[in-house]
Amino acid sequence: MYYLLSTNIVLQRFSISSSLQSSKSLLEKGNKATAFYLQSRASQVFDIDIHPAAVIGKGVLMDHATGLVIGETATVGDGCSHFS
């Protein structure tokens, strides 16, 4: 049971990270509609709202990030940890 739970948590974090990177890349390429659609779906599925224009540093840990909101002008530095 532990392995199923830990695998689910890791996959969820990976999915959140990859959707954020994808929406950020789409926004930078000028495809705003698709970027915001992807961000909106990720927000609905994972209950975490990170604007594609937010600056997220390397090695950021968002443990139990349910309900987390990071706005367009926010900057999260390298190595930052968020526990909620």
PDB file of N, CA and C in Angstrom:
ATOM      1  N   MET A   1       0.827  -1.199   0.000  1.00  0.00           N
ATOM      2  CA  MET A   1       0.000   0.000   0.000  1.00  0.00           C
ATOM      3  C   MET A   1       0.872   1.265   0.000  1.00  0.00           C
ATOM      4  N   TYR A   2       1.957   1.240   0.787  1.00  0.00           N
ATOM      5  CA  TYR A   2       2.849   2.396   0.867  1.00  0.00           C
ATOM      6  C   TYR A   2       3.400   2.757  -0.506  1.00  0.00           C
ATOM      7  N   TYR A   3       3.790   1.732  -1.272  1.00  0.00           N
ATOM      8  CA  TYR A   3       4.390   1.991  -2.577  1.00  0.00           C
ATOM      9  C   TYR A   3       3.391   2.621  -3.542  1.00  0.00           C
ATOM     10  N   LEU A   4       2.134   2.184  -3.472  1.00  0.00           N
ATOM     11  CA  LEU A   4       1.113   2.787  -4.321  1.00  0.00           C
ATOM     12  C   LEU A   4       0.898   4.248  -3.964  1.00  0.00           C
ATOM     13  N   LEU A   5       0.863   4.542  -2.676  1.00  0.00           N
ATOM     14  CA  LEU A   5       0.663   5.916  -2.221  1.00  0.00           C
ATOM     15  C   LEU A   5       1.843   6.800  -2.616  1.00  0.00           C
ATOM     16  N   SER A   6       3.058   6.338  -2.371  1.00  0.00           N
ATOM     17  CA  SER A   6       4.231   7.156  -2.699  1.00  0.00           C
ATOM     18  C   SER A   6       4.365   7.350  -4.207  1.00  0.00           C
ATOM     19  N   THR A   7       4.029   6.338  -4.995  1.00  0.00           N
ATOM     20  CA  THR A   7       4.072   6.470  -6.450  1.00  0.00           C
ATOM     21  C   THR A   7       3.059   7.501  -6.923  1.00  0.00           C
ATOM     22  N   ASN A   8       1.877   7.478  -6.353  1.00  0.00           N
ATOM     23  CA  ASN A   8       0.842   8.447  -6.714  1.00  0.00           C
ATOM     24  C   ASN A   8       1.285   9.869  -6.389  1.00  0.00           C
ATOM     25  N   ILE A   9       1.909  10.070  -5.241  1.00  0.00           N
ATOM     26  CA  ILE A   9       2.381  11.400  -4.844  1.00  0.00           C
ATOM     27  C   ILE A   9       3.468  11.884  -5.803  1.00  0.00           C
ATOM     28  N   VAL A  10       4.413  11.021  -6.135  1.00  0.00           N
ATOM     29  CA  VAL A  10       5.495  11.399  -7.047  1.00  0.00           C
ATOM     30  C   VAL A  10       4.938  11.720  -8.430  1.00  0.00           C
ATOM     31  N   LEU A  11       4.019  10.906  -8.928  1.00  0.00           N
ATOM     32  CA  LEU A  11       3.439  11.161 -10.246  1.00  0.00           C
ATOM     33  C   LEU A  11       2.636  12.452 -10.264  1.00  0.00           C
ATOM     34  N   GLN A  12       1.942  12.752  -9.168  1.00  0.00           N
ATOM     35  CA  GLN A  12       1.179  13.997  -9.101  1.00  0.00           C
ATOM     36  C   GLN A  12       2.124  15.195  -9.145  1.00  0.00           C
ATOM     37  N   ARG A  13       3.211  15.141  -8.397  1.00  0.00           N
ATOM     38  CA  ARG A  13       4.186  16.240  -8.417  1.00  0.00           C
ATOM     39  C   ARG A  13       4.789  16.399  -9.805  1.00  0.00           C
ATOM     40  N   PHE A  14       5.092  15.276 -10.456  1.00  0.00           N
ATOM     41  CA  PHE A  14       5.641  15.334 -11.809  1.00  0.00           C
ATOM     42  C   PHE A  14       4.633  15.951 -12.769  1.00  0.00           C
ATOM     43  N   SER A  15       3.374  15.568 -12.645  1.00  0.00           N
ATOM     44  CA  SER A  15       2.329  16.102 -13.523  1.00  0.00           C
ATOM     45  C   SER A  15       2.151  17.600 -13.335  1.00  0.00           C
ATOM     46  N   ILE A  16       2.178  18.057 -12.094  1.00  0.00           N
ATOM     47  CA  ILE A  16       2.061  19.489 -11.815  1.00  0.00           C
ATOM     48  C   ILE A  16       3.246  20.233 -12.425  1.00  0.00           C
ATOM     49  N   SER A  17       4.437  19.708 -12.210  1.00  0.00           N
ATOM     50  CA  SER A  17       5.648  20.350 -12.728  1.00  0.00           C
ATOM     51  C   SER A  17       5.649  20.392 -14.253  1.00  0.00           C
ATOM     52  N   SER A  18       5.288  19.289 -14.881  1.00  0.00           N
ATOM     53  CA  SER A  18       5.309  19.262 -16.348  1.00  0.00           C
ATOM     54  C   SER A  18       4.224  20.149 -16.947  1.00  0.00           C
ATOM     55  N   SER A  19       3.050  20.218 -16.314  1.00  0.00           N
ATOM     56  CA  SER A  19       2.004  21.106 -16.842  1.00  0.00           C
ATOM     57  C   SER A  19       2.405  22.568 -16.678  1.00  0.00           C
ATOM     58  N   LEU A  20       3.084  22.898 -15.576  1.00  0.00           N
ATOM     59  CA  LEU A  20       3.569  24.264 -15.378  1.00  0.00           C
ATOM     60  C   LEU A  20       4.605  24.625 -16.437  1.00  0.00           C
ATOM     61  N   GLN A  21       5.553  23.736 -16.673  1.00  0.00           N
ATOM     62  CA  GLN A  21       6.583  23.998 -17.676  1.00  0.00           C
ATOM     63  C   GLN A  21       5.987  24.123 -19.073  1.00  0.00           C
ATOM     64  N   SER A  22       5.020  23.275 -19.373  1.00  0.00           N
ATOM     65  CA  SER A  22       4.379  23.324 -20.694  1.00  0.00           C
ATOM     66  C   SER A  22       3.610  24.620 -20.896  1.00  0.00           C
ATOM     67  N   SER A  23       2.830  25.011 -19.890  1.00  0.00           N
ATOM     68  CA  SER A  23       2.051  26.246 -20.026  1.00  0.00           C
ATOM     69  C   SER A  23       2.965  27.465 -20.086  1.00  0.00           C
ATOM     70  N   LYS A  24       4.069  27.431 -19.344  1.00  0.00           N
ATOM     71  CA  LYS A  24       5.037  28.536 -19.383  1.00  0.00           C
ATOM     72  C   LYS A  24       5.674  28.635 -20.774  1.00  0.00           C
ATOM     73  N   SER A  25       6.034  27.504 -21.347  1.00  0.00           N
ATOM     74  CA  SER A  25       6.631  27.481 -22.679  1.00  0.00           C
ATOM     75  C   SER A  25       5.647  27.986 -23.733  1.00  0.00           C
ATOM     76  N   LEU A  26       4.398  27.557 -23.639  1.00  0.00           N
ATOM     77  CA  LEU A  26       3.373  28.020 -24.577  1.00  0.00           C
ATOM     78  C   LEU A  26       3.168  29.528 -24.470  1.00  0.00           C
ATOM     79  N   LEU A  27       3.156  30.045 -23.245  1.00  0.00           N
ATOM     80  CA  LEU A  27       2.973  31.483 -23.034  1.00  0.00           C
ATOM     81  C   LEU A  27       4.133  32.270 -23.636  1.00  0.00           C
ATOM     82  N   GLU A  28       5.364  31.783 -23.444  1.00  0.00           N
ATOM     83  CA  GLU A  28       6.541  32.463 -23.984  1.00  0.00           C
ATOM     84  C   GLU A  28       6.553  32.460 -25.515  1.00  0.00           C
ATOM     85  N   LYS A  29       5.937  31.452 -26.121  1.00  0.00           N
ATOM     86  CA  LYS A  29       5.868  31.363 -27.584  1.00  0.00           C
ATOM     87  C   LYS A  29       4.681  32.127 -28.149  1.00  0.00           C
ATOM     88  N   GLY A  30       3.905  32.776 -27.279  1.00  0.00           N
ATOM     89  CA  GLY A  30       2.796  33.599 -27.733  1.00  0.00           C
ATOM     90  C   GLY A  30       1.468  32.877 -27.866  1.00  0.00           C
ATOM     91  N   ASN A  31       1.407  31.626 -27.449  1.00  0.00           N
ATOM     92  CA  ASN A  31       0.177  30.852 -27.541  1.00  0.00           C
ATOM     93  C   ASN A  31      -0.582  30.949 -26.213  1.00  0.00           C
ATOM     94  N   LYS A  32      -1.115  32.138 -25.944  1.00  0.00           N
ATOM     95  CA  LYS A  32      -1.741  32.424 -24.652  1.00  0.00           C
ATOM     96  C   LYS A  32      -2.962  31.558 -24.373  1.00  0.00           C
ATOM     97  N   ALA A  33      -3.819  31.378 -25.369  1.00  0.00           N
ATOM     98  CA  ALA A  33      -5.067  30.634 -25.153  1.00  0.00           C
ATOM     99  C   ALA A  33      -4.794  29.205 -24.685  1.00  0.00           C
ATOM    100  N   THR A  34      -3.871  28.527 -25.354  1.00  0.00           N
ATOM    101  CA  THR A  34      -3.551  27.155 -24.974  1.00  0.00           C
ATOM    102  C   THR A  34      -2.843  27.110 -23.627  1.00  0.00           C
ATOM    103  N   ALA A  35      -1.964  28.076 -23.369  1.00  0.00           N
ATOM    104  CA  ALA A  35      -1.251  28.128 -22.093  1.00  0.00           C
ATOM    105  C   ALA A  35      -2.220  28.286 -20.927  1.00  0.00           C
ATOM    106  N   PHE A  36      -3.171  29.187 -21.067  1.00  0.00           N
ATOM    107  CA  PHE A  36      -4.118  29.412 -19.979  1.00  0.00           C
ATOM    108  C   PHE A  36      -5.131  28.275 -19.860  1.00  0.00           C
ATOM    109  N   TYR A  37      -5.450  27.613 -20.975  1.00  0.00           N
ATOM    110  CA  TYR A  37      -6.327  26.443 -20.900  1.00  0.00           C
ATOM    111  C   TYR A  37      -5.638  25.329 -20.118  1.00  0.00           C
ATOM    112  N   LEU A  38      -4.363  25.066 -20.435  1.00  0.00           N
ATOM    113  CA  LEU A  38      -3.610  24.027 -19.732  1.00  0.00           C
ATOM    114  C   LEU A  38      -3.479  24.362 -18.253  1.00  0.00           C
ATOM    115  N   GLN A  39      -3.206  25.621 -17.944  1.00  0.00           N
ATOM    116  CA  GLN A  39      -3.101  26.050 -16.547  1.00  0.00           C
ATOM    117  C   GLN A  39      -4.435  25.882 -15.832  1.00  0.00           C
ATOM    118  N   SER A  40      -5.517  26.197 -16.513  1.00  0.00           N
ATOM    119  CA  SER A  40      -6.850  26.063 -15.930  1.00  0.00           C
ATOM    120  C   SER A  40      -7.187  24.603 -15.636  1.00  0.00           C
ATOM    121  N   ARG A  41      -6.867  23.715 -16.559  1.00  0.00           N
ATOM    122  CA  ARG A  41      -7.128  22.281 -16.341  1.00  0.00           C
ATOM    123  C   ARG A  41      -6.283  21.745 -15.192  1.00  0.00           C
ATOM    124  N   ALA A  42      -5.023  22.153 -15.121  1.00  0.00           N
ATOM    125  CA  ALA A  42      -4.165  21.719 -14.020  1.00  0.00           C
ATOM    126  C   ALA A  42      -4.715  22.222 -12.691  1.00  0.00           C
ATOM    127  N   SER A  43      -5.235  23.433 -12.691  1.00  0.00           N
ATOM    128  CA  SER A  43      -5.833  23.996 -11.481  1.00  0.00           C
ATOM    129  C   SER A  43      -7.050  23.184 -11.047  1.00  0.00           C
ATOM    130  N   GLN A  44      -7.872  22.774 -11.989  1.00  0.00           N
ATOM    131  CA  GLN A  44      -9.058  21.981 -11.671  1.00  0.00           C
ATOM    132  C   GLN A  44      -8.695  20.587 -11.173  1.00  0.00           C
ATOM    133  N   VAL A  45      -7.728  19.962 -11.805  1.00  0.00           N
ATOM    134  CA  VAL A  45      -7.373  18.585 -11.469  1.00  0.00           C
ATOM    135  C   VAL A  45      -6.585  18.495 -10.168  1.00  0.00           C
ATOM    136  N   PHE A  46      -5.608  19.386  -9.977  1.00  0.00           N
ATOM    137  CA  PHE A  46      -4.697  19.278  -8.842  1.00  0.00           C
ATOM    138  C   PHE A  46      -4.982  20.261  -7.716  1.00  0.00           C
ATOM    139  N   ASP A  47      -5.928  21.170  -7.907  1.00  0.00           N
ATOM    140  CA  ASP A  47      -6.281  22.177  -6.902  1.00  0.00           C
ATOM    141  C   ASP A  47      -5.068  23.017  -6.508  1.00  0.00           C
ATOM    142  N   ILE A  48      -4.303  23.405  -7.520  1.00  0.00           N
ATOM    143  CA  ILE A  48      -3.142  24.268  -7.320  1.00  0.00           C
ATOM    144  C   ILE A  48      -3.125  25.258  -8.485  1.00  0.00           C
ATOM    145  N   ASP A  49      -2.973  26.530  -8.193  1.00  0.00           N
ATOM    146  CA  ASP A  49      -3.087  27.566  -9.221  1.00  0.00           C
ATOM    147  C   ASP A  49      -1.774  28.336  -9.320  1.00  0.00           C
ATOM    148  N   ILE A  50      -0.995  28.025 -10.346  1.00  0.00           N
ATOM    149  CA  ILE A  50       0.275  28.713 -10.583  1.00  0.00           C
ATOM    150  C   ILE A  50       0.189  29.374 -11.951  1.00  0.00           C
ATOM    151  N   HIS A  51       0.289  30.682 -11.978  1.00  0.00           N
ATOM    152  CA  HIS A  51       0.207  31.428 -13.242  1.00  0.00           C
ATOM    153  C   HIS A  51       1.421  31.081 -14.103  1.00  0.00           C
ATOM    154  N   PRO A  52       1.222  30.878 -15.408  1.00  0.00           N
ATOM    155  CA  PRO A  52       2.342  30.527 -16.286  1.00  0.00           C
ATOM    156  C   PRO A  52       3.458  31.573 -16.332  1.00  0.00           C
ATOM    157  N   ALA A  53       3.158  32.835 -16.020  1.00  0.00           N
ATOM    158  CA  ALA A  53       4.185  33.878 -16.056  1.00  0.00           C
ATOM    159  C   ALA A  53       4.959  33.994 -14.740  1.00  0.00           C
ATOM    160  N   ALA A  54       4.553  33.263 -13.714  1.00  0.00           N
ATOM    161  CA  ALA A  54       5.270  33.311 -12.432  1.00  0.00           C
ATOM    162  C   ALA A  54       6.670  32.735 -12.611  1.00  0.00           C
ATOM    163  N   VAL A  55       7.626  33.299 -11.890  1.00  0.00           N
ATOM    164  CA  VAL A  55       9.011  32.836 -11.964  1.00  0.00           C
ATOM    165  C   VAL A  55       9.231  31.830 -10.838  1.00  0.00           C
ATOM    166  N   ILE A  56       9.475  30.576 -11.212  1.00  0.00           N
ATOM    167  CA  ILE A  56       9.692  29.501 -10.249  1.00  0.00           C
ATOM    168  C   ILE A  56      11.136  29.048 -10.394  1.00  0.00           C
ATOM    169  N   GLY A  57      11.895  29.095  -9.301  1.00  0.00           N
ATOM    170  CA  GLY A  57      13.304  28.728  -9.332  1.00  0.00           C
ATOM    171  C   GLY A  57      13.531  27.233  -9.437  1.00  0.00           C
ATOM    172  N   LYS A  58      14.781  26.848  -9.464  1.00  0.00           N
ATOM    173  CA  LYS A  58      15.158  25.436  -9.559  1.00  0.00           C
ATOM    174  C   LYS A  58      15.130  24.794  -8.174  1.00  0.00           C
ATOM    175  N   GLY A  59      14.775  23.535  -8.133  1.00  0.00           N
ATOM    176  CA  GLY A  59      14.792  22.782  -6.887  1.00  0.00           C
ATOM    177  C   GLY A  59      13.723  23.194  -5.898  1.00  0.00           C
ATOM    178  N   VAL A  60      12.603  23.689  -6.381  1.00  0.00           N
ATOM    179  CA  VAL A  60      11.511  24.124  -5.505  1.00  0.00           C
ATOM    180  C   VAL A  60      10.700  22.909  -5.073  1.00  0.00           C
ATOM    181  N   LEU A  61      10.391  22.822  -3.782  1.00  0.00           N
ATOM    182  CA  LEU A  61       9.584  21.737  -3.232  1.00  0.00           C
ATOM    183  C   LEU A  61       8.258  22.305  -2.762  1.00  0.00           C
ATOM    184  N   MET A  62       7.173  21.795  -3.325  1.00  0.00           N
ATOM    185  CA  MET A  62       5.831  22.208  -2.905  1.00  0.00           C
ATOM    186  C   MET A  62       5.126  20.975  -2.357  1.00  0.00           C
ATOM    187  N   ASP A  63       5.332  20.702  -1.085  1.00  0.00           N
ATOM    188  CA  ASP A  63       4.772  19.520  -0.450  1.00  0.00           C
ATOM    189  C   ASP A  63       3.326  19.782  -0.053  1.00  0.00           C
ATOM    190  N   HIS A  64       2.418  18.906  -0.435  1.00  0.00           N
ATOM    191  CA  HIS A  64       0.985  19.065  -0.143  1.00  0.00           C
ATOM    192  C   HIS A  64       0.519  20.452  -0.570  1.00  0.00           C
ATOM    193  N   ALA A  65       0.681  20.762  -1.828  1.00  0.00           N
ATOM    194  CA  ALA A  65       0.417  22.114  -2.330  1.00  0.00           C
ATOM    195  C   ALA A  65      -1.050  22.382  -2.625  1.00  0.00           C
ATOM    196  N   THR A  66      -1.936  21.558  -2.132  1.00  0.00           N
ATOM    197  CA  THR A  66      -3.363  21.753  -2.379  1.00  0.00           C
ATOM    198  C   THR A  66      -3.794  23.133  -1.904  1.00  0.00           C
ATOM    199  N   GLY A  67      -4.445  23.870  -2.789  1.00  0.00           N
ATOM    200  CA  GLY A  67      -4.918  25.209  -2.457  1.00  0.00           C
ATOM    201  C   GLY A  67      -3.880  26.304  -2.635  1.00  0.00           C
ATOM    202  N   LEU A  68      -2.697  25.960  -3.098  1.00  0.00           N
ATOM    203  CA  LEU A  68      -1.631  26.943  -3.291  1.00  0.00           C
ATOM    204  C   LEU A  68      -1.934  27.825  -4.499  1.00  0.00           C
ATOM    205  N   VAL A  69      -1.749  29.125  -4.346  1.00  0.00           N
ATOM    206  CA  VAL A  69      -1.937  30.079  -5.440  1.00  0.00           C
ATOM    207  C   VAL A  69      -0.661  30.905  -5.576  1.00  0.00           C
ATOM    208  N   ILE A  70      -0.079  30.905  -6.774  1.00  0.00           N
ATOM    209  CA  ILE A  70       1.100  31.716  -7.074  1.00  0.00           C
ATOM    210  C   ILE A  70       0.725  32.585  -8.268  1.00  0.00           C
ATOM    211  N   GLY A  71       0.719  33.894  -8.066  1.00  0.00           N
ATOM    212  CA  GLY A  71       0.255  34.832  -9.082  1.00  0.00           C
ATOM    213  C   GLY A  71       1.276  35.162 -10.149  1.00  0.00           C
ATOM    214  N   GLU A  72       0.831  35.974 -11.091  1.00  0.00           N
ATOM    215  CA  GLU A  72       1.621  36.341 -12.266  1.00  0.00           C
ATOM    216  C   GLU A  72       2.922  37.052 -11.909  1.00  0.00           C
ATOM    217  N   THR A  73       2.921  37.897 -10.898  1.00  0.00           N
ATOM    218  CA  THR A  73       4.099  38.696 -10.558  1.00  0.00           C
ATOM    219  C   THR A  73       4.962  38.058  -9.473  1.00  0.00           C
ATOM    220  N   ALA A  74       4.604  36.864  -9.031  1.00  0.00           N
ATOM    221  CA  ALA A  74       5.343  36.204  -7.947  1.00  0.00           C
ATOM    222  C   ALA A  74       6.666  35.630  -8.437  1.00  0.00           C
ATOM    223  N   THR A  75       7.641  35.613  -7.528  1.00  0.00           N
ATOM    224  CA  THR A  75       8.927  34.971  -7.778  1.00  0.00           C
ATOM    225  C   THR A  75       9.216  34.032  -6.619  1.00  0.00           C
ATOM    226  N   VAL A  76       9.446  32.760  -6.933  1.00  0.00           N
ATOM    227  CA  VAL A  76       9.799  31.758  -5.930  1.00  0.00           C
ATOM    228  C   VAL A  76      11.250  31.396  -6.203  1.00  0.00           C
ATOM    229  N   GLY A  77      12.127  31.652  -5.233  1.00  0.00           N
ATOM    230  CA  GLY A  77      13.561  31.477  -5.430  1.00  0.00           C
ATOM    231  C   GLY A  77      14.021  30.035  -5.487  1.00  0.00           C
ATOM    232  N   ASP A  78      15.260  29.846  -5.919  1.00  0.00           N
ATOM    233  CA  ASP A  78      15.865  28.517  -5.995  1.00  0.00           C
ATOM    234  C   ASP A  78      15.898  27.868  -4.615  1.00  0.00           C
ATOM    235  N   GLY A  79      15.594  26.574  -4.575  1.00  0.00           N
ATOM    236  CA  GLY A  79      15.685  25.807  -3.342  1.00  0.00           C
ATOM    237  C   GLY A  79      14.612  26.110  -2.313  1.00  0.00           C
ATOM    238  N   CYS A  80      13.590  26.832  -2.693  1.00  0.00           N
ATOM    239  CA  CYS A  80      12.518  27.191  -1.762  1.00  0.00           C
ATOM    240  C   CYS A  80      11.651  25.966  -1.458  1.00  0.00           C
ATOM    241  N   SER A  81      11.204  25.845  -0.210  1.00  0.00           N
ATOM    242  CA  SER A  81      10.296  24.768   0.192  1.00  0.00           C
ATOM    243  C   SER A  81       9.010  25.374   0.702  1.00  0.00           C
ATOM    244  N   HIS A  82       7.883  24.811   0.276  1.00  0.00           N
ATOM    245  CA  HIS A  82       6.575  25.279   0.737  1.00  0.00           C
ATOM    246  C   HIS A  82       5.833  24.099   1.345  1.00  0.00           C
ATOM    247  N   PHE A  83       5.520  24.201   2.622  1.00  0.00           N
ATOM    248  CA  PHE A  83       4.760  23.165   3.313  1.00  0.00           C
ATOM    249  C   PHE A  83       3.452  23.773   3.768  1.00  0.00           C
ATOM    250  N   SER A  84       2.338  23.171   3.359  1.00  0.00           N
ATOM    251  CA  SER A  84       1.050  23.719   3.787  1.00  0.00           C
ATOM    252  C   SER A  84       0.271  22.716   4.599  1.00  0.00           C
TER     253      SER A  84
END
